């Protein structure tokens, strides 16, 4: 669980209680729910933590995509180097075709 997710759960537990009704891990927000009774300040903090969760997930997704791209770049660079070496090996003497 990411830090913001833990922070949100701790915040919810502190203001509505750990026994608050949850749907898919999120506190219920319907009419008469504990969420509906939150103060404006608590709702703002709750919303900020939810945005933070989305941003943490976005950063993690980008980090994974960057790792994949780095791996693909390394493979392409290695393949290019191998192809250039083969091409140079088959070229007439004194001609460099790697450029």
PDB file of N, CA and C in Angstrom:
ATOM      1  N   UNK A   1       0.846  -1.171   0.000  1.00  0.00           N
ATOM      2  CA  UNK A   1       0.000   0.000   0.000  1.00  0.00           C
ATOM      3  C   UNK A   1       0.895   1.238   0.000  1.00  0.00           C
ATOM      4  N   UNK A   2       0.573   2.192  -0.851  1.00  0.00           N
ATOM      5  CA  UNK A   2       1.371   3.410  -0.961  1.00  0.00           C
ATOM      6  C   UNK A   2       1.180   4.296   0.274  1.00  0.00           C
ATOM      7  N   UNK A   3       2.095   5.228   0.440  1.00  0.00           N
ATOM      8  CA  UNK A   3       2.045   6.103   1.615  1.00  0.00           C
ATOM      9  C   UNK A   3       0.738   6.886   1.706  1.00  0.00           C
ATOM     10  N   UNK A   4       0.291   7.459   0.595  1.00  0.00           N
ATOM     11  CA  UNK A   4      -0.939   8.253   0.619  1.00  0.00           C
ATOM     12  C   UNK A   4      -2.144   7.378   0.962  1.00  0.00           C
ATOM     13  N   UNK A   5      -2.150   6.143   0.493  1.00  0.00           N
ATOM     14  CA  UNK A   5      -3.248   5.230   0.804  1.00  0.00           C
ATOM     15  C   UNK A   5      -3.289   4.961   2.304  1.00  0.00           C
ATOM     16  N   UNK A   6      -2.128   4.755   2.891  1.00  0.00           N
ATOM     17  CA  UNK A   6      -2.049   4.530   4.340  1.00  0.00           C
ATOM     18  C   UNK A   6      -2.489   5.786   5.100  1.00  0.00           C
ATOM     19  N   UNK A   7      -2.049   6.942   4.611  1.00  0.00           N
ATOM     20  CA  UNK A   7      -2.428   8.197   5.260  1.00  0.00           C
ATOM     21  C   UNK A   7      -3.938   8.404   5.208  1.00  0.00           C
ATOM     22  N   UNK A   8      -4.535   8.101   4.049  1.00  0.00           N
ATOM     23  CA  UNK A   8      -5.971   8.280   3.904  1.00  0.00           C
ATOM     24  C   UNK A   8      -6.721   7.353   4.854  1.00  0.00           C
ATOM     25  N   UNK A   9      -6.305   6.100   4.904  1.00  0.00           N
ATOM     26  CA  UNK A   9      -6.984   5.140   5.795  1.00  0.00           C
ATOM     27  C   UNK A   9      -6.862   5.586   7.246  1.00  0.00           C
ATOM     28  N   UNK A  10      -5.676   6.023   7.656  1.00  0.00           N
ATOM     29  CA  UNK A  10      -5.484   6.493   9.033  1.00  0.00           C
ATOM     30  C   UNK A  10      -6.346   7.723   9.307  1.00  0.00           C
ATOM     31  N   UNK A  11      -6.417   8.616   8.345  1.00  0.00           N
ATOM     32  CA  UNK A  11      -7.241   9.822   8.497  1.00  0.00           C
ATOM     33  C   UNK A  11      -8.710   9.440   8.633  1.00  0.00           C
ATOM     34  N   UNK A  12      -9.180   8.555   7.747  1.00  0.00           N
ATOM     35  CA  UNK A  12     -10.577   8.113   7.817  1.00  0.00           C
ATOM     36  C   UNK A  12     -10.876   7.446   9.151  1.00  0.00           C
ATOM     37  N   UNK A  13      -9.976   6.570   9.584  1.00  0.00           N
ATOM     38  CA  UNK A  13     -10.177   5.876  10.857  1.00  0.00           C
ATOM     39  C   UNK A  13     -10.250   6.867  12.015  1.00  0.00           C
ATOM     40  N   UNK A  14      -9.445   7.936  11.928  1.00  0.00           N
ATOM     41  CA  UNK A  14      -9.422   8.905  13.029  1.00  0.00           C
ATOM     42  C   UNK A  14     -10.666   9.786  13.052  1.00  0.00           C
ATOM     43  N   UNK A  15     -11.293  10.015  11.902  1.00  0.00           N
ATOM     44  CA  UNK A  15     -12.441  10.931  11.910  1.00  0.00           C
ATOM     45  C   UNK A  15     -13.795  10.225  11.857  1.00  0.00           C
ATOM     46  N   UNK A  16     -13.875   9.045  11.245  1.00  0.00           N
ATOM     47  CA  UNK A  16     -15.159   8.339  11.175  1.00  0.00           C
ATOM     48  C   UNK A  16     -15.110   6.989  11.870  1.00  0.00           C
ATOM     49  N   UNK A  17     -13.924   6.570  12.268  1.00  0.00           N
ATOM     50  CA  UNK A  17     -13.770   5.305  12.977  1.00  0.00           C
ATOM     51  C   UNK A  17     -13.447   4.155  12.050  1.00  0.00           C
ATOM     52  N   UNK A  18     -12.706   3.216  12.569  1.00  0.00           N
ATOM     53  CA  UNK A  18     -12.282   2.052  11.787  1.00  0.00           C
ATOM     54  C   UNK A  18     -13.467   1.179  11.406  1.00  0.00           C
ATOM     55  N   UNK A  19     -14.562   1.295  12.144  1.00  0.00           N
ATOM     56  CA  UNK A  19     -15.730   0.459  11.871  1.00  0.00           C
ATOM     57  C   UNK A  19     -16.663   1.075  10.832  1.00  0.00           C
ATOM     58  N   UNK A  20     -16.309   2.222  10.279  1.00  0.00           N
ATOM     59  CA  UNK A  20     -17.161   2.871   9.274  1.00  0.00           C
ATOM     60  C   UNK A  20     -17.387   1.939   8.093  1.00  0.00           C
ATOM     61  N   UNK A  21     -18.581   2.004   7.547  1.00  0.00           N
ATOM     62  CA  UNK A  21     -18.924   1.142   6.415  1.00  0.00           C
ATOM     63  C   UNK A  21     -18.069   1.530   5.205  1.00  0.00           C
ATOM     64  N   UNK A  22     -17.528   0.501   4.561  1.00  0.00           N
ATOM     65  CA  UNK A  22     -16.660   0.707   3.400  1.00  0.00           C
ATOM     66  C   UNK A  22     -17.161  -0.113   2.223  1.00  0.00           C
ATOM     67  N   UNK A  23     -17.022   0.452   1.050  1.00  0.00           N
ATOM     68  CA  UNK A  23     -17.359  -0.233  -0.189  1.00  0.00           C
ATOM     69  C   UNK A  23     -16.095  -0.237  -1.039  1.00  0.00           C
ATOM     70  N   UNK A  24     -15.590  -1.441  -1.346  1.00  0.00           N
ATOM     71  CA  UNK A  24     -14.325  -1.578  -2.077  1.00  0.00           C
ATOM     72  C   UNK A  24     -13.201  -0.794  -1.399  1.00  0.00           C
ATOM     73  N   UNK A  25     -13.186  -0.814  -0.082  1.00  0.00           N
ATOM     74  CA  UNK A  25     -12.121  -0.175   0.674  1.00  0.00           C
ATOM     75  C   UNK A  25     -12.299   1.313   0.900  1.00  0.00           C
ATOM     76  N   UNK A  26     -13.334   1.905   0.317  1.00  0.00           N
ATOM     77  CA  UNK A  26     -13.563   3.345   0.486  1.00  0.00           C
ATOM     78  C   UNK A  26     -14.776   3.558   1.376  1.00  0.00           C
ATOM     79  N   UNK A  27     -14.695   4.588   2.219  1.00  0.00           N
ATOM     80  CA  UNK A  27     -15.824   4.830   3.105  1.00  0.00           C
ATOM     81  C   UNK A  27     -17.054   5.199   2.284  1.00  0.00           C
ATOM     82  N   UNK A  28     -18.196   4.759   2.778  1.00  0.00           N
ATOM     83  CA  UNK A  28     -19.455   5.032   2.099  1.00  0.00           C
ATOM     84  C   UNK A  28     -19.717   6.532   2.101  1.00  0.00           C
ATOM     85  N   UNK A  29     -20.253   7.030   0.989  1.00  0.00           N
ATOM     86  CA  UNK A  29     -20.484   8.469   0.862  1.00  0.00           C
ATOM     87  C   UNK A  29     -21.949   8.829   0.668  1.00  0.00           C
ATOM     88  N   UNK A  30     -22.825   7.891   0.785  1.00  0.00           N
ATOM     89  CA  UNK A  30     -24.235   8.155   0.532  1.00  0.00           C
ATOM     90  C   UNK A  30     -24.897   8.999   1.607  1.00  0.00           C
ATOM     91  N   UNK A  31     -26.176   9.265   1.380  1.00  0.00           N
ATOM     92  CA  UNK A  31     -26.972  10.062   2.315  1.00  0.00           C
ATOM     93  C   UNK A  31     -26.978   9.390   3.693  1.00  0.00           C
ATOM     94  N   UNK A  32     -26.703  10.195   4.702  1.00  0.00           N
ATOM     95  CA  UNK A  32     -26.689   9.689   6.062  1.00  0.00           C
ATOM     96  C   UNK A  32     -25.391   9.001   6.464  1.00  0.00           C
ATOM     97  N   UNK A  33     -24.423   8.952   5.547  1.00  0.00           N
ATOM     98  CA  UNK A  33     -23.152   8.274   5.844  1.00  0.00           C
ATOM     99  C   UNK A  33     -22.277   9.151   6.727  1.00  0.00           C
ATOM    100  N   UNK A  34     -21.261   8.529   7.290  1.00  0.00           N
ATOM    101  CA  UNK A  34     -20.297   9.270   8.111  1.00  0.00           C
ATOM    102  C   UNK A  34     -19.573  10.311   7.263  1.00  0.00           C
ATOM    103  N   UNK A  35     -19.320   9.993   6.006  1.00  0.00           N
ATOM    104  CA  UNK A  35     -18.625  10.940   5.124  1.00  0.00           C
ATOM    105  C   UNK A  35     -19.447  12.215   4.943  1.00  0.00           C
ATOM    106  N   UNK A  36     -20.737  12.056   4.800  1.00  0.00           N
ATOM    107  CA  UNK A  36     -21.613  13.211   4.591  1.00  0.00           C
ATOM    108  C   UNK A  36     -21.553  14.176   5.780  1.00  0.00           C
ATOM    109  N   UNK A  37     -21.236  13.646   6.944  1.00  0.00           N
ATOM    110  CA  UNK A  37     -21.219  14.460   8.165  1.00  0.00           C
ATOM    111  C   UNK A  37     -19.871  15.145   8.421  1.00  0.00           C
ATOM    112  N   UNK A  38     -18.895  14.911   7.541  1.00  0.00           N
ATOM    113  CA  UNK A  38     -17.579  15.527   7.731  1.00  0.00           C
ATOM    114  C   UNK A  38     -17.655  17.041   7.579  1.00  0.00           C
ATOM    115  N   UNK A  39     -16.777  17.729   8.286  1.00  0.00           N
ATOM    116  CA  UNK A  39     -16.685  19.181   8.143  1.00  0.00           C
ATOM    117  C   UNK A  39     -16.071  19.507   6.783  1.00  0.00           C
ATOM    118  N   UNK A  40     -16.209  20.748   6.378  1.00  0.00           N
ATOM    119  CA  UNK A  40     -15.637  21.183   5.096  1.00  0.00           C
ATOM    120  C   UNK A  40     -14.121  20.995   5.091  1.00  0.00           C
ATOM    121  N   UNK A  41     -13.487  21.267   6.216  1.00  0.00           N
ATOM    122  CA  UNK A  41     -12.027  21.113   6.303  1.00  0.00           C
ATOM    123  C   UNK A  41     -11.624  19.645   6.167  1.00  0.00           C
ATOM    124  N   UNK A  42     -12.376  18.757   6.823  1.00  0.00           N
ATOM    125  CA  UNK A  42     -12.066  17.325   6.727  1.00  0.00           C
ATOM    126  C   UNK A  42     -12.311  16.804   5.313  1.00  0.00           C
ATOM    127  N   UNK A  43     -13.374  17.281   4.672  1.00  0.00           N
ATOM    128  CA  UNK A  43     -13.625  16.876   3.277  1.00  0.00           C
ATOM    129  C   UNK A  43     -12.505  17.351   2.363  1.00  0.00           C
ATOM    130  N   UNK A  44     -12.019  18.564   2.601  1.00  0.00           N
ATOM    131  CA  UNK A  44     -10.920  19.097   1.777  1.00  0.00           C
ATOM    132  C   UNK A  44      -9.654  18.265   1.975  1.00  0.00           C
ATOM    133  N   UNK A  45      -9.370  17.902   3.209  1.00  0.00           N
ATOM    134  CA  UNK A  45      -8.183  17.077   3.472  1.00  0.00           C
ATOM    135  C   UNK A  45      -8.357  15.694   2.842  1.00  0.00           C
ATOM    136  N   UNK A  46      -9.553  15.142   2.936  1.00  0.00           N
ATOM    137  CA  UNK A  46      -9.843  13.834   2.341  1.00  0.00           C
ATOM    138  C   UNK A  46      -9.630  13.900   0.828  1.00  0.00           C
ATOM    139  N   UNK A  47     -10.156  14.944   0.198  1.00  0.00           N
ATOM    140  CA  UNK A  47     -10.008  15.105  -1.251  1.00  0.00           C
ATOM    141  C   UNK A  47      -8.534  15.258  -1.637  1.00  0.00           C
ATOM    142  N   UNK A  48      -7.782  15.993  -0.835  1.00  0.00           N
ATOM    143  CA  UNK A  48      -6.357  16.170  -1.116  1.00  0.00           C
ATOM    144  C   UNK A  48      -5.611  14.838  -1.029  1.00  0.00           C
ATOM    145  N   UNK A  49      -5.940  14.022  -0.056  1.00  0.00           N
ATOM    146  CA  UNK A  49      -5.304  12.707   0.068  1.00  0.00           C
ATOM    147  C   UNK A  49      -5.688  11.800  -1.104  1.00  0.00           C
ATOM    148  N   UNK A  50      -6.928  11.890  -1.556  1.00  0.00           N
ATOM    149  CA  UNK A  50      -7.332  11.096  -2.718  1.00  0.00           C
ATOM    150  C   UNK A  50      -6.562  11.522  -3.967  1.00  0.00           C
ATOM    151  N   UNK A  51      -6.361  12.828  -4.139  1.00  0.00           N
ATOM    152  CA  UNK A  51      -5.564  13.313  -5.283  1.00  0.00           C
ATOM    153  C   UNK A  51      -4.124  12.834  -5.174  1.00  0.00           C
ATOM    154  N   UNK A  52      -3.599  12.833  -3.957  1.00  0.00           N
ATOM    155  CA  UNK A  52      -2.236  12.359  -3.733  1.00  0.00           C
ATOM    156  C   UNK A  52      -2.094  10.891  -4.114  1.00  0.00           C
ATOM    157  N   UNK A  53      -3.110  10.086  -3.813  1.00  0.00           N
ATOM    158  CA  UNK A  53      -3.090   8.669  -4.191  1.00  0.00           C
ATOM    159  C   UNK A  53      -3.009   8.533  -5.704  1.00  0.00           C
ATOM    160  N   UNK A  54      -3.817   9.301  -6.416  1.00  0.00           N
ATOM    161  CA  UNK A  54      -3.801   9.260  -7.883  1.00  0.00           C
ATOM    162  C   UNK A  54      -2.432   9.666  -8.411  1.00  0.00           C
ATOM    163  N   UNK A  55      -1.852  10.693  -7.840  1.00  0.00           N
ATOM    164  CA  UNK A  55      -0.533  11.154  -8.294  1.00  0.00           C
ATOM    165  C   UNK A  55       0.557  10.131  -7.999  1.00  0.00           C
ATOM    166  N   UNK A  56       0.493   9.483  -6.837  1.00  0.00           N
ATOM    167  CA  UNK A  56       1.482   8.441  -6.540  1.00  0.00           C
ATOM    168  C   UNK A  56       1.388   7.306  -7.559  1.00  0.00           C
ATOM    169  N   UNK A  57       0.173   6.922  -7.915  1.00  0.00           N
ATOM    170  CA  UNK A  57      -0.007   5.862  -8.915  1.00  0.00           C
ATOM    171  C   UNK A  57       0.503   6.308 -10.275  1.00  0.00           C
ATOM    172  N   UNK A  58       0.268   7.561 -10.625  1.00  0.00           N
ATOM    173  CA  UNK A  58       0.740   8.104 -11.904  1.00  0.00           C
ATOM    174  C   UNK A  58       2.263   8.088 -11.968  1.00  0.00           C
ATOM    175  N   UNK A  59       2.892   8.500 -10.888  1.00  0.00           N
ATOM    176  CA  UNK A  59       4.360   8.499 -10.839  1.00  0.00           C
ATOM    177  C   UNK A  59       4.899   7.075 -10.955  1.00  0.00           C
ATOM    178  N   UNK A  60       4.282   6.137 -10.259  1.00  0.00           N
ATOM    179  CA  UNK A  60       4.743   4.752 -10.318  1.00  0.00           C
ATOM    180  C   UNK A  60       4.570   4.179 -11.723  1.00  0.00           C
ATOM    181  N   UNK A  61       3.448   4.491 -12.362  1.00  0.00           N
ATOM    182  CA  UNK A  61       3.227   4.038 -13.738  1.00  0.00           C
ATOM    183  C   UNK A  61       4.284   4.624 -14.670  1.00  0.00           C
ATOM    184  N   UNK A  62       4.594   5.896 -14.497  1.00  0.00           N
ATOM    185  CA  UNK A  62       5.621   6.538 -15.319  1.00  0.00           C
ATOM    186  C   UNK A  62       6.999   5.928 -15.052  1.00  0.00           C
ATOM    187  N   UNK A  63       7.280   5.610 -13.794  1.00  0.00           N
ATOM    188  CA  UNK A  63       8.560   4.999 -13.445  1.00  0.00           C
ATOM    189  C   UNK A  63       8.710   3.637 -14.134  1.00  0.00           C
ATOM    190  N   UNK A  64       7.652   2.849 -14.122  1.00  0.00           N
ATOM    191  CA  UNK A  64       7.684   1.539 -14.785  1.00  0.00           C
ATOM    192  C   UNK A  64       7.856   1.718 -16.287  1.00  0.00           C
ATOM    193  N   UNK A  65       7.123   2.668 -16.879  1.00  0.00           N
ATOM    194  CA  UNK A  65       7.238   2.924 -18.319  1.00  0.00           C
ATOM    195  C   UNK A  65       8.652   3.373 -18.681  1.00  0.00           C
ATOM    196  N   UNK A  66       9.263   4.182 -17.838  1.00  0.00           N
ATOM    197  CA  UNK A  66      10.630   4.636 -18.087  1.00  0.00           C
ATOM    198  C   UNK A  66      11.605   3.461 -18.018  1.00  0.00           C
ATOM    199  N   UNK A  67      11.408   2.565 -17.073  1.00  0.00           N
ATOM    200  CA  UNK A  67      12.264   1.375 -16.975  1.00  0.00           C
ATOM    201  C   UNK A  67      12.136   0.508 -18.221  1.00  0.00           C
ATOM    202  N   UNK A  68      10.916   0.322 -18.696  1.00  0.00           N
ATOM    203  CA  UNK A  68      10.690  -0.472 -19.909  1.00  0.00           C
ATOM    204  C   UNK A  68      11.359   0.198 -21.097  1.00  0.00           C
ATOM    205  N   UNK A  69      11.193   1.515 -21.221  1.00  0.00           N
ATOM    206  CA  UNK A  69      11.804   2.247 -22.327  1.00  0.00           C
ATOM    207  C   UNK A  69      13.327   2.160 -22.272  1.00  0.00           C
ATOM    208  N   UNK A  70      13.895   2.241 -21.082  1.00  0.00           N
ATOM    209  CA  UNK A  70      15.346   2.149 -20.916  1.00  0.00           C
ATOM    210  C   UNK A  70      15.846   0.774 -21.361  1.00  0.00           C
ATOM    211  N   UNK A  71      15.110  -0.267 -21.007  1.00  0.00           N
ATOM    212  CA  UNK A  71      15.474  -1.624 -21.407  1.00  0.00           C
ATOM    213  C   UNK A  71      15.407  -1.777 -22.926  1.00  0.00           C
ATOM    214  N   UNK A  72      14.346  -1.240 -23.532  1.00  0.00           N
ATOM    215  CA  UNK A  72      14.208  -1.306 -24.993  1.00  0.00           C
ATOM    216  C   UNK A  72      15.319  -0.510 -25.688  1.00  0.00           C
ATOM    217  N   UNK A  73      15.669   0.635 -25.132  1.00  0.00           N
ATOM    218  CA  UNK A  73      16.745   1.442 -25.698  1.00  0.00           C
ATOM    219  C   UNK A  73      18.068   0.691 -25.644  1.00  0.00           C
ATOM    220  N   UNK A  74      18.351   0.072 -24.528  1.00  0.00           N
ATOM    221  CA  UNK A  74      19.596  -0.692 -24.398  1.00  0.00           C
ATOM    222  C   UNK A  74      19.632  -1.841 -25.403  1.00  0.00           C
ATOM    223  N   UNK A  75      18.508  -2.529 -25.583  1.00  0.00           N
ATOM    224  CA  UNK A  75      18.450  -3.628 -26.549  1.00  0.00           C
ATOM    225  C   UNK A  75      18.632  -3.113 -27.964  1.00  0.00           C
ATOM    226  N   UNK A  76      18.002  -2.000 -28.299  1.00  0.00           N
ATOM    227  CA  UNK A  76      18.133  -1.432 -29.645  1.00  0.00           C
ATOM    228  C   UNK A  76      19.557  -0.947 -29.903  1.00  0.00           C
ATOM    229  N   UNK A  77      20.159  -0.352 -28.893  1.00  0.00           N
ATOM    230  CA  UNK A  77      21.539   0.122 -29.034  1.00  0.00           C
ATOM    231  C   UNK A  77      22.485  -1.056 -29.263  1.00  0.00           C
ATOM    232  N   UNK A  78      22.278  -2.114 -28.520  1.00  0.00           N
ATOM    233  CA  UNK A  78      23.111  -3.307 -28.683  1.00  0.00           C
ATOM    234  C   UNK A  78      22.891  -3.925 -30.057  1.00  0.00           C
ATOM    235  N   UNK A  79      21.632  -4.000 -30.500  1.00  0.00           N
ATOM    236  CA  UNK A  79      21.342  -4.564 -31.820  1.00  0.00           C
ATOM    237  C   UNK A  79      21.954  -3.717 -32.926  1.00  0.00           C
ATOM    238  N   UNK A  80      21.898  -2.394 -32.771  1.00  0.00           N
ATOM    239  CA  UNK A  80      22.486  -1.500 -33.766  1.00  0.00           C
ATOM    240  C   UNK A  80      23.991  -1.702 -33.832  1.00  0.00           C
ATOM    241  N   UNK A  81      24.618  -1.810 -32.647  1.00  0.00           N
ATOM    242  CA  UNK A  81      26.066  -2.020 -32.615  1.00  0.00           C
ATOM    243  C   UNK A  81      26.454  -3.330 -33.283  1.00  0.00           C
ATOM    244  N   UNK A  82      25.703  -4.391 -33.031  1.00  0.00           N
ATOM    245  CA  UNK A  82      25.986  -5.684 -33.646  1.00  0.00           C
ATOM    246  C   UNK A  82      25.802  -5.626 -35.153  1.00  0.00           C
ATOM    247  N   UNK A  83      24.751  -4.968 -35.598  1.00  0.00           N
ATOM    248  CA  UNK A  83      24.497  -4.856 -37.036  1.00  0.00           C
ATOM    249  C   UNK A  83      25.587  -4.040 -37.703  1.00  0.00           C
ATOM    250  N   UNK A  84      26.020  -2.965 -37.064  1.00  0.00           N
ATOM    251  CA  UNK A  84      27.078  -2.130 -37.629  1.00  0.00           C
ATOM    252  C   UNK A  84      28.390  -2.908 -37.720  1.00  0.00           C
ATOM    253  N   UNK A  85      28.674  -3.708 -36.692  1.00  0.00           N
ATOM    254  CA  UNK A  85      29.896  -4.521 -36.722  1.00  0.00           C
ATOM    255  C   UNK A  85      29.847  -5.533 -37.870  1.00  0.00           C
ATOM    256  N   UNK A  86      28.697  -6.173 -38.066  1.00  0.00           N
ATOM    257  CA  UNK A  86      28.564  -7.137 -39.173  1.00  0.00           C
ATOM    258  C   UNK A  86      28.696  -6.446 -40.525  1.00  0.00           C
ATOM    259  N   UNK A  87      28.096  -5.261 -40.632  1.00  0.00           N
ATOM    260  CA  UNK A  87      28.164  -4.521 -41.890  1.00  0.00           C
ATOM    261  C   UNK A  87      29.598  -4.101 -42.173  1.00  0.00           C
ATOM    262  N   UNK A  88      30.299  -3.616 -41.156  1.00  0.00           N
ATOM    263  CA  UNK A  88      31.698  -3.215 -41.338  1.00  0.00           C
ATOM    264  C   UNK A  88      32.571  -4.416 -41.676  1.00  0.00           C
ATOM    265  N   UNK A  89      32.271  -5.546 -41.074  1.00  0.00           N
ATOM    266  CA  UNK A  89      33.065  -6.751 -41.349  1.00  0.00           C
ATOM    267  C   UNK A  89      32.900  -7.203 -42.794  1.00  0.00           C
ATOM    268  N   UNK A  90      31.761  -6.941 -43.400  1.00  0.00           N
ATOM    269  CA  UNK A  90      31.535  -7.382 -44.777  1.00  0.00           C
ATOM    270  C   UNK A  90      31.880  -6.303 -45.802  1.00  0.00           C
ATOM    271  N   UNK A  91      32.185  -5.075 -45.330  1.00  0.00           N
ATOM    272  CA  UNK A  91      32.503  -3.983 -46.269  1.00  0.00           C
ATOM    273  C   UNK A  91      33.939  -4.128 -46.780  1.00  0.00           C
ATOM    274  N   UNK A  92      34.187  -3.579 -47.933  1.00  0.00           N
ATOM    275  CA  UNK A  92      35.575  -3.599 -48.458  1.00  0.00           C
ATOM    276  C   UNK A  92      36.529  -2.919 -47.502  1.00  0.00           C
ATOM    277  N   UNK A  93      37.744  -3.314 -47.502  1.00  0.00           N
ATOM    278  CA  UNK A  93      38.759  -2.767 -46.600  1.00  0.00           C
ATOM    279  C   UNK A  93      38.834  -1.253 -46.714  1.00  0.00           C
ATOM    280  N   UNK A  94      38.939  -0.606 -45.560  1.00  0.00           N
ATOM    281  CA  UNK A  94      39.095   0.833 -45.513  1.00  0.00           C
ATOM    282  C   UNK A  94      37.792   1.622 -45.577  1.00  0.00           C
ATOM    283  N   UNK A  95      36.658   0.968 -45.719  1.00  0.00           N
ATOM    284  CA  UNK A  95      35.374   1.653 -45.793  1.00  0.00           C
ATOM    285  C   UNK A  95      34.605   1.385 -44.492  1.00  0.00           C
ATOM    286  N   UNK A  96      34.270   2.487 -43.798  1.00  0.00           N
ATOM    287  CA  UNK A  96      33.508   2.364 -42.557  1.00  0.00           C
ATOM    288  C   UNK A  96      32.064   2.734 -42.860  1.00  0.00           C
ATOM    289  N   UNK A  97      31.145   1.802 -42.683  1.00  0.00           N
ATOM    290  CA  UNK A  97      29.729   2.046 -43.004  1.00  0.00           C
ATOM    291  C   UNK A  97      28.877   2.190 -41.755  1.00  0.00           C
ATOM    292  N   UNK A  98      29.510   2.408 -40.617  1.00  0.00           N
ATOM    293  CA  UNK A  98      28.762   2.476 -39.367  1.00  0.00           C
ATOM    294  C   UNK A  98      28.082   3.826 -39.149  1.00  0.00           C
ATOM    295  N   UNK A  99      28.412   4.834 -39.883  1.00  0.00           N
ATOM    296  CA  UNK A  99      27.868   6.171 -39.662  1.00  0.00           C
ATOM    297  C   UNK A  99      26.453   6.341 -40.091  1.00  0.00           C
TER     298      UNK A  99
END
